[in-house]
Amino acid sequence: MAPLLVLLLAGVVSASRGDREPVYRECVSACEQRNCTGIRLLDFRAEQPLYMRLTGWVCLDDCRYQCMWDTVSFYVKEGYSVPQFHGKEPASALASFLNGLANLMMLQRYRASVPASCPMYHTCLTFAMVSINAWFWSTIFHTRDTAITEKMDYFCASAVILHSIYLCCMRTLGLRYPSFATAFGAVLVVLFACHVSYLTLGRFDYSYNMLANASFGMINLGWWLAWCLKRRSHQPYLWKCVLVVVLLQSLALLELLDFPPVCWVLDAHALWHFSTIPLNVLFYR
């Protein structure tokens, strides 16, 4: 049900609405003309802190950041709802970092308790590395929102979903039919390459990206659930797997909520990332 709802709403989900607000755009344009040319630009560069230089923060970024808060103040004063903007999201960055840390810690426990000769060992190891990489880029993206970090965040998230499908294939069929698993893995690699190429070579299609990932998620959910329900009498611990895949899809509904961030920090996206932290522990168990 959760993935279906995401699919139905995928067409209306796009980039941050606040970035398109006339008040914000006019403010950015005026600020850029006033502060990002001539002597004022030189002054900005001279006074810019080292940490901002290292993260590639430029004058236009400064204008966007200041205008975001000016627009928020204006909307609050006039009684309008506050739209979501791009930019730094400290709560989401922290939650992404903690998700990555949880994966890393559980990976160490997995390696310490599972022998390398286990048939699923290397597949699980690779999945863990793909997940850690995704949370790394999620942390970077929420710290520094640029076109490159945004794409890396989205692409790495897609890689996690597709690798979860491959992990399911290996667990359910691959141990008995390794040739099938190899061929299926190759298909997923080609699918991922096509997905990335489509979103990279042209205009980034947010609706398509949401639709594609929701579709991948439905396949992942259905396959895992079918196998778990079939094997539940032989492997009682599979309730953990069911809980993980169901909650992962259900918690994604938080992305559809839109409310002003609590204390201007904790929004629905951050809540989604924080809620997935304990699921990492449950998954590895």
Protein backbone atom coordinates (compact mmCIF):
# COMPACT_ATOMS: atom_id res chain seq x y z
CA MET A 1 0.00 0.00 0.00
CA ALA A 2 2.76 2.44 0.90
CA PRO A 3 4.67 2.06 -2.39
CA LEU A 4 1.39 2.32 -4.32
CA LEU A 5 0.59 5.63 -2.65
CA VAL A 6 4.06 6.89 -3.47
CA LEU A 7 3.51 5.90 -7.11
CA LEU A 8 0.18 7.71 -7.26
CA LEU A 9 1.70 10.90 -5.90
CA ALA A 10 4.97 10.67 -7.78
CA GLY A 11 3.78 12.93 -10.53
CA VAL A 12 3.27 15.89 -8.21
CA VAL A 13 6.56 15.59 -6.35
CA SER A 14 9.41 17.71 -7.65
CA ALA A 15 12.19 19.97 -6.44
CA SER A 16 11.81 22.34 -3.48
CA ARG A 17 8.84 24.71 -4.00
CA GLY A 18 10.48 27.56 -2.11
CA ASP A 19 13.15 27.89 -4.80
CA ARG A 20 10.45 28.90 -7.30
CA GLU A 21 8.73 31.53 -5.15
CA PRO A 22 8.77 35.01 -6.83
CA VAL A 23 9.81 36.75 -3.59
CA TYR A 24 12.79 34.45 -3.23
CA ARG A 25 13.86 34.62 -6.88
CA GLU A 26 13.68 38.43 -6.98
CA CYS A 27 15.69 38.62 -3.76
CA VAL A 28 18.41 36.31 -5.15
CA SER A 29 18.61 38.24 -8.41
CA ALA A 30 18.96 41.58 -6.62
CA CYS A 31 21.50 40.21 -4.15
CA GLU A 32 23.62 38.69 -6.93
CA GLN A 33 23.71 41.97 -8.86
CA ARG A 34 24.50 43.93 -5.70
CA ASN A 35 27.04 41.68 -3.95
CA CYS A 36 28.53 39.27 -6.48
CA THR A 37 30.29 41.67 -8.83
CA GLY A 38 33.19 44.09 -8.65
CA ILE A 39 34.64 45.23 -5.33
CA ARG A 40 31.87 43.62 -3.26
CA LEU A 41 32.74 40.19 -4.68
CA LEU A 42 36.40 40.74 -3.79
CA ASP A 43 35.37 41.75 -0.26
CA PHE A 44 33.24 38.61 0.05
CA ARG A 45 36.12 36.38 -0.99
CA ALA A 46 38.52 38.14 1.37
CA GLU A 47 36.19 37.80 4.37
CA GLN A 48 34.98 34.29 3.60
CA PRO A 49 35.85 31.74 6.34
CA LEU A 50 38.15 28.87 5.41
CA TYR A 51 35.52 26.15 5.98
CA MET A 52 33.21 27.83 3.46
CA ARG A 53 35.97 27.95 0.87
CA LEU A 54 36.72 24.27 1.37
CA THR A 55 33.06 23.36 0.74
CA GLY A 56 32.93 25.45 -2.44
CA TRP A 57 30.57 28.08 -1.01
CA VAL A 58 30.38 31.00 -3.46
CA CYS A 59 28.74 34.41 -3.41
CA LEU A 60 25.58 33.16 -5.15
CA ASP A 61 25.20 30.46 -2.48
CA ASP A 62 25.41 33.16 0.17
CA CYS A 63 22.68 35.14 -1.58
CA ARG A 64 20.46 32.09 -1.80
CA TYR A 65 20.95 31.31 1.87
CA GLN A 66 20.25 34.88 3.04
CA CYS A 67 17.24 35.24 0.71
CA MET A 68 15.81 31.95 1.97
CA TRP A 69 15.63 33.34 5.49
CA ASP A 70 14.38 36.72 4.26
CA THR A 71 11.58 34.93 2.40
CA VAL A 72 10.75 32.77 5.42
CA SER A 73 10.55 35.86 7.66
CA PHE A 74 8.29 37.60 5.15
CA TYR A 75 5.95 34.60 4.86
CA VAL A 76 5.72 34.16 8.62
CA LYS A 77 5.03 37.87 9.12
CA GLU A 78 2.27 37.83 6.49
CA GLY A 79 0.75 34.60 7.82
CA TYR A 80 1.53 32.42 4.80
CA SER A 81 2.67 28.79 5.00
CA VAL A 82 6.43 28.39 4.70
CA PRO A 83 7.53 26.39 1.63
CA GLN A 84 10.44 23.99 1.63
CA PHE A 85 13.74 25.27 0.29
CA HIS A 86 16.96 23.74 -0.94
CA GLY A 87 20.13 24.14 1.06
CA LYS A 88 21.79 22.83 4.20
CA GLU A 89 19.69 20.45 6.29
CA PRO A 90 21.62 19.75 9.52
CA ALA A 91 19.07 17.32 10.97
CA SER A 92 18.95 15.24 7.79
CA ALA A 93 22.75 15.35 7.54
CA LEU A 94 23.06 14.09 11.12
CA ALA A 95 20.48 11.35 10.54
CA SER A 96 22.26 10.25 7.35
CA PHE A 97 25.58 10.12 9.19
CA LEU A 98 24.03 8.03 11.99
CA ASN A 99 22.50 5.65 9.44
CA GLY A 100 25.91 5.20 7.86
CA LEU A 101 27.50 4.69 11.26
CA ALA A 102 24.87 2.09 12.18
CA ASN A 103 25.61 0.22 8.95
CA LEU A 104 29.34 0.35 9.61
CA MET A 105 29.01 -0.90 13.20
CA MET A 106 26.67 -3.74 12.24
CA LEU A 107 28.96 -4.65 9.33
CA GLN A 108 31.83 -5.07 11.79
CA ARG A 109 29.66 -7.34 13.94
CA TYR A 110 28.60 -9.28 10.86
CA ARG A 111 32.20 -9.85 9.77
CA ALA A 112 33.17 -10.91 13.28
CA SER A 113 30.37 -13.46 13.63
CA VAL A 114 29.86 -14.82 10.10
CA PRO A 115 32.63 -16.87 8.44
CA ALA A 116 33.82 -15.75 5.00
CA SER A 117 32.96 -19.22 3.69
CA CYS A 118 29.24 -18.51 4.17
CA PRO A 119 27.50 -18.57 0.74
CA MET A 120 25.89 -15.15 1.28
CA TYR A 121 28.92 -13.53 2.96
CA HIS A 122 30.31 -11.57 0.02
CA THR A 123 26.89 -10.54 -1.27
CA CYS A 124 25.96 -9.13 2.13
CA LEU A 125 29.38 -7.48 2.43
CA THR A 126 28.90 -5.73 -0.91
CA PHE A 127 25.39 -4.63 0.03
CA ALA A 128 26.73 -3.12 3.24
CA MET A 129 29.37 -1.16 1.33
CA VAL A 130 26.78 0.09 -1.18
CA SER A 131 24.57 1.21 1.74
CA ILE A 132 27.41 2.97 3.57
CA ASN A 133 28.35 4.76 0.34
CA ALA A 134 24.72 5.90 -0.10
CA TRP A 135 24.53 7.31 3.42
CA PHE A 136 27.89 9.03 2.90
CA TRP A 137 26.53 10.89 -0.12
CA SER A 138 23.27 11.58 1.66
CA THR A 139 25.27 13.26 4.43
CA ILE A 140 27.26 15.28 1.90
CA PHE A 141 24.13 16.31 -0.01
CA HIS A 142 22.29 17.52 3.08
CA THR A 143 25.40 19.42 4.12
CA ARG A 144 26.09 20.97 0.71
CA ASP A 145 23.20 20.99 -1.79
CA THR A 146 24.60 21.20 -5.32
CA ALA A 147 23.64 19.62 -8.64
CA ILE A 148 26.42 17.04 -8.27
CA THR A 149 25.75 16.10 -4.64
CA GLU A 150 22.01 15.88 -5.36
CA LYS A 151 22.56 13.44 -8.23
CA MET A 152 25.00 11.35 -6.19
CA ASP A 153 22.46 11.15 -3.37
CA TYR A 154 19.69 10.01 -5.71
CA PHE A 155 21.83 7.60 -7.74
CA CYS A 156 23.36 5.94 -4.68
CA ALA A 157 19.90 5.52 -3.14
CA SER A 158 18.75 3.78 -6.33
CA ALA A 159 21.82 1.53 -6.18
CA VAL A 160 20.84 0.43 -2.66
CA ILE A 161 17.32 -0.54 -3.74
CA LEU A 162 18.56 -2.44 -6.79
CA HIS A 163 21.23 -4.23 -4.78
CA SER A 164 18.59 -5.19 -2.22
CA ILE A 165 16.67 -6.83 -5.07
CA TYR A 166 19.85 -8.66 -6.07
CA LEU A 167 20.42 -9.67 -2.44
CA CYS A 168 16.91 -11.10 -2.38
CA CYS A 169 17.56 -12.94 -5.65
CA MET A 170 20.72 -14.49 -4.22
CA ARG A 171 18.99 -15.49 -0.98
CA THR A 172 15.97 -17.03 -2.66
CA LEU A 173 17.27 -18.45 -5.94
CA GLY A 174 20.96 -17.69 -6.42
CA LEU A 175 22.32 -20.35 -4.08
CA ARG A 176 20.57 -23.04 -6.12
CA TYR A 177 20.85 -21.41 -9.53
CA PRO A 178 24.07 -19.32 -9.57
CA SER A 179 23.94 -18.82 -13.35
CA PHE A 180 20.49 -17.25 -13.07
CA ALA A 181 21.69 -14.95 -10.29
CA THR A 182 24.67 -13.84 -12.38
CA ALA A 183 22.47 -13.07 -15.38
CA PHE A 184 19.93 -11.26 -13.21
CA GLY A 185 22.69 -9.21 -11.62
CA ALA A 186 23.91 -8.18 -15.08
CA VAL A 187 20.37 -7.06 -15.98
CA LEU A 188 20.22 -4.91 -12.83
CA VAL A 189 23.58 -3.32 -13.67
CA VAL A 190 22.34 -2.43 -17.17
CA LEU A 191 19.08 -1.11 -15.69
CA PHE A 192 21.00 1.07 -13.25
CA ALA A 193 23.26 2.37 -16.05
CA CYS A 194 20.22 3.29 -18.15
CA HIS A 195 18.55 4.95 -15.15
CA VAL A 196 21.62 7.09 -14.42
CA SER A 197 22.16 7.93 -18.11
CA TYR A 198 18.58 9.12 -18.57
CA LEU A 199 18.78 11.41 -15.55
CA THR A 200 22.25 12.69 -16.42
CA LEU A 201 22.15 13.33 -20.17
CA GLY A 202 19.02 15.49 -20.12
CA ARG A 203 17.04 17.56 -17.65
CA PHE A 204 16.81 15.82 -14.30
CA ASP A 205 13.32 14.31 -14.21
CA TYR A 206 12.26 14.28 -10.55
CA SER A 207 8.91 12.62 -11.27
CA TYR A 208 10.55 9.81 -13.21
CA ASN A 209 13.18 9.33 -10.50
CA MET A 210 10.47 9.01 -7.85
CA LEU A 211 8.44 6.65 -10.06
CA ALA A 212 11.46 4.46 -10.86
CA ASN A 213 12.59 4.14 -7.25
CA ALA A 214 9.04 3.45 -6.08
CA SER A 215 8.78 0.70 -8.72
CA PHE A 216 12.11 -0.78 -7.62
CA GLY A 217 10.86 -0.61 -4.04
CA MET A 218 7.65 -2.47 -4.88
CA ILE A 219 9.60 -5.28 -6.55
CA ASN A 220 11.92 -5.47 -3.55
CA LEU A 221 9.02 -5.48 -1.08
CA GLY A 222 6.95 -8.06 -2.95
CA TRP A 223 9.84 -10.47 -3.51
CA TRP A 224 11.07 -10.38 0.09
CA LEU A 225 7.56 -10.73 1.52
CA ALA A 226 6.67 -13.65 -0.74
CA TRP A 227 9.80 -15.54 0.27
CA CYS A 228 9.45 -14.74 3.97
CA LEU A 229 5.83 -15.85 4.09
CA LYS A 230 6.68 -19.07 2.28
CA ARG A 231 9.58 -19.87 4.62
CA ARG A 232 8.15 -18.53 7.90
CA SER A 233 7.48 -21.99 9.38
CA HIS A 234 11.04 -23.16 8.69
CA GLN A 235 12.81 -19.93 9.70
CA PRO A 236 10.90 -18.16 12.50
CA TYR A 237 13.39 -15.25 12.59
CA LEU A 238 12.13 -14.04 9.20
CA TRP A 239 9.64 -11.76 10.98
CA LYS A 240 12.58 -9.37 11.30
CA CYS A 241 12.99 -9.29 7.54
CA VAL A 242 9.25 -8.69 7.05
CA LEU A 243 9.30 -5.85 9.58
CA VAL A 244 12.31 -4.20 7.94
CA VAL A 245 10.98 -4.19 4.36
CA VAL A 246 7.46 -3.15 5.38
CA LEU A 247 8.66 -0.32 7.62
CA LEU A 248 11.15 0.92 5.04
CA GLN A 249 8.36 1.35 2.49
CA SER A 250 5.84 2.70 5.00
CA LEU A 251 8.22 5.24 6.53
CA ALA A 252 8.89 6.59 3.04
CA LEU A 253 5.41 8.15 3.30
CA LEU A 254 6.99 10.75 5.57
CA GLU A 255 8.45 12.22 2.37
CA LEU A 256 4.91 13.18 1.32
CA LEU A 257 4.34 15.32 4.41
CA ASP A 258 5.05 19.03 4.16
CA PHE A 259 5.18 21.06 7.35
CA PRO A 260 7.42 23.86 8.62
CA PRO A 261 10.49 22.33 10.27
CA VAL A 262 10.37 22.13 14.05
CA CYS A 263 12.73 24.87 15.28
CA TRP A 264 13.56 25.34 11.56
CA VAL A 265 15.62 22.14 11.71
CA LEU A 266 13.55 18.93 12.01
CA ASP A 267 11.33 18.40 8.96
CA ALA A 268 9.57 15.33 7.53
CA HIS A 269 12.62 14.32 5.50
CA ALA A 270 14.81 14.37 8.60
CA LEU A 271 12.23 12.35 10.55
CA TRP A 272 12.29 9.75 7.77
CA HIS A 273 16.06 9.42 7.98
CA PHE A 274 16.08 9.24 11.79
CA SER A 275 13.36 6.56 11.75
CA THR A 276 15.45 4.23 9.57
CA ILE A 277 18.45 4.12 11.96
CA PRO A 278 17.15 1.22 14.13
CA LEU A 279 16.10 -0.70 11.01
CA ASN A 280 19.77 -1.10 10.08
CA VAL A 281 20.35 -3.03 13.30
CA LEU A 282 17.27 -5.19 12.77
CA PHE A 283 18.26 -5.94 9.15
CA TYR A 284 21.72 -7.25 10.02
CA ARG A 285 20.31 -9.39 12.81
